[in-house]
Amino acid sequence: MKRLILVTSPPASGKTYISKQLARNLKHVVYLDKDTLIVLSKQIFVVAGQEYNRSSDFFEANIRDYEYMAIVDLAMEALDYDDIVLINAPFTREIRDTGYMNGLRERLAEKDAKLTVIWVQTDVEVCRQRMIERNSDRDQWKLDHWEEYIAGVNFDIPEELDDPNCNDDLLIFKNSSDAEFQTSMKEILEIIESE
């Protein structure tokens, strides 16, 4: 059976590093990163004469959902050619939206594919330090308005995705330290590769 893996979490939890390490260790995987679409999104801000702010109302209304539609459509197409597709993207709203997730599962069922969500669990302060260290313009507003930003971020594990009869629908990747990373990488690879 084919598989779509969503590596999800709030920003700066370590999604990209984890996603790339998982992709390197899996056989026959297509790796997709939603951040690759940022170059297009930046151009939309320019053309619209808007300040580049990925937390703005303009971004929410005109860009955010379209980035997700594009990356999921690319993944669906890739499943026609390979057995595993891994998307690195926050999906923070989508994974808590039952209708969205059921619709995604239905689309995957048409391709004889299943969904695995890997939630990256990282301490909030570790995320803040990682944002500072990576020094990316996409984080500047978040860091400048940290209390306002963090109040709107849900770090809770999306337990509603966990079917007790399935061992690979929701996997938790603990990533607040190197030791947690090593343990989680080993455990999650074993689960995915055993299927």
Protein backbone atom coordinates (compact mmCIF):
# COMPACT_ATOMS: atom_id res chain seq x y z
CA MET A 1 0.00 0.00 0.00
CA LYS A 2 1.17 3.51 -0.77
CA ARG A 3 1.62 6.11 1.95
CA LEU A 4 1.46 9.88 2.33
CA ILE A 5 3.46 11.09 5.32
CA LEU A 6 2.76 14.55 6.71
CA VAL A 7 5.52 15.81 9.00
CA THR A 8 3.74 18.51 10.95
CA SER A 9 4.16 20.84 13.91
CA PRO A 10 4.39 24.52 14.74
CA PRO A 11 7.24 26.46 13.08
CA ALA A 12 10.84 25.84 14.24
CA SER A 13 10.04 22.49 15.84
CA GLY A 14 12.54 20.75 13.57
CA LYS A 15 10.23 19.57 10.77
CA THR A 16 12.66 20.20 7.93
CA TYR A 17 15.64 18.48 9.50
CA ILE A 18 13.52 15.52 10.62
CA SER A 19 11.75 15.29 7.25
CA LYS A 20 15.04 15.24 5.35
CA GLN A 21 16.54 12.62 7.66
CA LEU A 22 13.45 10.43 7.34
CA ALA A 23 13.51 10.80 3.54
CA ARG A 24 17.20 9.84 3.43
CA ASN A 25 16.47 6.69 5.42
CA LEU A 26 13.35 5.55 3.57
CA LYS A 27 13.43 3.70 0.27
CA HIS A 28 11.58 5.08 -2.76
CA VAL A 29 10.32 8.32 -1.24
CA VAL A 30 9.37 11.63 -2.85
CA TYR A 31 10.26 14.56 -0.56
CA LEU A 32 8.16 17.74 -0.81
CA ASP A 33 8.69 20.88 1.27
CA LYS A 34 5.99 23.55 1.35
CA ASP A 35 8.69 26.18 1.95
CA THR A 36 9.79 25.63 -1.65
CA LEU A 37 6.64 27.54 -2.62
CA ILE A 38 7.68 30.61 -0.61
CA VAL A 39 9.45 32.11 -3.63
CA LEU A 40 6.06 32.31 -5.36
CA SER A 41 4.36 33.64 -2.25
CA LYS A 42 6.95 36.40 -1.85
CA GLN A 43 6.20 37.51 -5.40
CA ILE A 44 2.49 37.76 -4.59
CA PHE A 45 3.33 40.18 -1.76
CA VAL A 46 5.47 42.23 -4.17
CA VAL A 47 2.86 42.34 -6.95
CA ALA A 48 0.12 43.26 -4.47
CA GLY A 49 2.27 45.99 -2.90
CA GLN A 50 2.01 44.35 0.52
CA GLU A 51 4.59 44.11 3.30
CA TYR A 52 6.12 40.62 3.45
CA ASN A 53 4.42 39.20 6.53
CA ARG A 54 3.37 35.55 6.62
CA SER A 55 1.25 36.27 9.69
CA SER A 56 -0.79 39.03 8.03
CA ASP A 57 -4.46 39.10 7.06
CA PHE A 58 -3.32 39.45 3.43
CA PHE A 59 -1.33 36.21 3.66
CA GLU A 60 -4.24 34.40 5.29
CA ALA A 61 -6.73 35.56 2.66
CA ASN A 62 -4.64 35.25 -0.49
CA ILE A 63 -1.74 32.83 -0.03
CA ARG A 64 -1.81 30.37 2.86
CA ASP A 65 -4.48 27.90 1.75
CA TYR A 66 -3.24 27.95 -1.84
CA GLU A 67 0.23 26.85 -0.72
CA TYR A 68 -1.37 23.86 1.00
CA MET A 69 -3.55 23.02 -1.99
CA ALA A 70 -0.51 23.12 -4.28
CA ILE A 71 1.71 20.91 -2.11
CA VAL A 72 -1.06 18.32 -1.56
CA ASP A 73 -1.84 18.24 -5.28
CA LEU A 74 1.87 17.68 -6.02
CA ALA A 75 1.90 14.84 -3.48
CA MET A 76 -1.16 13.19 -5.01
CA GLU A 77 0.45 13.32 -8.42
CA ALA A 78 3.73 11.92 -7.05
CA LEU A 79 1.87 8.91 -5.58
CA ASP A 80 1.20 7.83 -9.16
CA TYR A 81 4.93 7.23 -9.54
CA ASP A 82 6.25 6.19 -6.14
CA ASP A 83 5.07 4.38 -3.00
CA ILE A 84 5.85 6.98 -0.34
CA VAL A 85 5.47 10.74 -0.48
CA LEU A 86 6.57 12.86 2.46
CA ILE A 87 5.36 16.45 2.88
CA ASN A 88 7.20 18.78 5.23
CA ALA A 89 4.68 21.49 6.24
CA PRO A 90 3.03 22.74 9.43
CA PHE A 91 -0.58 21.74 8.52
CA THR A 92 -1.38 23.09 11.99
CA ARG A 93 -5.00 23.98 11.16
CA GLU A 94 -5.68 21.20 8.72
CA ILE A 95 -4.78 18.34 11.06
CA ARG A 96 -7.32 19.61 13.59
CA ASP A 97 -10.06 19.90 10.95
CA THR A 98 -11.93 16.58 10.81
CA GLY A 99 -13.58 17.42 7.49
CA TYR A 100 -10.26 18.28 5.86
CA MET A 101 -8.53 15.16 7.16
CA ASN A 102 -11.41 12.88 6.13
CA GLY A 103 -11.36 14.44 2.66
CA LEU A 104 -7.61 13.85 2.42
CA ARG A 105 -8.02 10.21 3.48
CA GLU A 106 -10.74 9.76 0.83
CA ARG A 107 -8.46 11.17 -1.88
CA LEU A 108 -5.68 8.86 -0.72
CA ALA A 109 -8.00 5.82 -0.70
CA GLU A 110 -8.63 6.43 -4.41
CA LYS A 111 -4.90 5.89 -4.92
CA ASP A 112 -4.76 2.89 -2.58
CA ALA A 113 -2.71 4.98 -0.18
CA LYS A 114 -2.90 5.62 3.54
CA LEU A 115 -2.05 8.62 5.68
CA THR A 116 0.58 8.85 8.39
CA VAL A 117 0.91 12.06 10.38
CA ILE A 118 4.19 12.59 12.21
CA TRP A 119 3.77 15.30 14.84
CA VAL A 120 7.05 16.87 15.90
CA GLN A 121 6.87 17.62 19.62
CA THR A 122 9.34 20.30 20.74
CA ASP A 123 9.45 22.58 23.77
CA VAL A 124 8.26 26.13 23.01
CA GLU A 125 11.50 27.76 24.19
CA VAL A 126 13.55 25.38 22.02
CA CYS A 127 11.43 26.51 19.03
CA ARG A 128 12.09 30.17 19.85
CA GLN A 129 15.84 29.59 20.07
CA ARG A 130 15.81 27.73 16.75
CA MET A 131 13.98 30.65 15.11
CA ILE A 132 16.63 33.03 16.40
CA GLU A 133 19.45 30.76 15.21
CA ARG A 134 18.08 30.15 11.72
CA ASN A 135 17.71 33.93 11.22
CA SER A 136 15.06 33.69 8.49
CA ASP A 137 12.99 36.63 7.27
CA ARG A 138 9.86 34.45 7.49
CA ASP A 139 10.30 34.43 11.31
CA GLN A 140 11.03 38.11 11.90
CA TRP A 141 7.45 39.17 12.63
CA LYS A 142 6.99 36.16 14.92
CA LEU A 143 10.11 37.00 16.94
CA ASP A 144 9.30 40.72 17.07
CA HIS A 145 5.78 39.94 18.34
CA TRP A 146 6.55 36.72 20.22
CA GLU A 147 3.80 36.88 22.87
CA GLU A 148 1.14 37.71 20.28
CA TYR A 149 2.41 35.03 17.91
CA ILE A 150 2.82 32.23 20.46
CA ALA A 151 -0.66 32.85 21.92
CA GLY A 152 -2.10 31.69 18.59
CA VAL A 153 0.02 28.55 18.21
CA ASN A 154 -1.28 25.17 19.37
CA PHE A 155 1.53 22.89 20.55
CA ASP A 156 -0.90 20.16 21.69
CA ILE A 157 -0.58 16.75 20.05
CA PRO A 158 -3.53 16.29 17.64
CA GLU A 159 -4.85 13.24 19.53
CA GLU A 160 -8.06 13.25 17.45
CA LEU A 161 -6.03 11.75 14.59
CA ASP A 162 -5.07 8.69 16.60
CA ASP A 163 -7.10 5.58 15.81
CA PRO A 164 -6.43 3.06 18.61
CA ASN A 165 -6.74 0.24 16.04
CA CYS A 166 -3.92 1.63 13.90
CA ASN A 167 -0.27 1.84 14.94
CA ASP A 168 0.93 4.21 12.19
CA ASP A 169 -1.72 6.90 11.71
CA LEU A 170 -0.29 9.37 14.27
CA LEU A 171 3.36 9.11 15.29
CA ILE A 172 4.99 11.46 17.81
CA PHE A 173 8.56 12.53 17.06
CA LYS A 174 10.08 14.03 20.21
CA ASN A 175 12.67 16.63 19.28
CA SER A 176 13.71 18.85 22.18
CA SER A 177 17.15 17.22 22.48
CA ASP A 178 19.58 15.10 20.46
CA ALA A 179 18.76 12.04 22.56
CA GLU A 180 15.03 12.43 21.88
CA PHE A 181 15.74 12.88 18.18
CA GLN A 182 17.82 9.69 17.95
CA THR A 183 15.25 7.58 19.83
CA SER A 184 12.29 8.92 17.85
CA MET A 185 14.05 8.50 14.48
CA LYS A 186 14.79 4.85 15.21
CA GLU A 187 11.28 4.08 16.49
CA ILE A 188 9.43 5.83 13.66
CA LEU A 189 11.55 4.31 10.90
CA GLU A 190 10.88 0.86 12.37
CA ILE A 191 7.12 1.47 12.35
CA ILE A 192 7.01 2.84 8.79
CA GLU A 193 9.32 0.18 7.37
CA SER A 194 7.45 -2.66 9.06
CA GLU A 195 4.28 -1.93 7.10
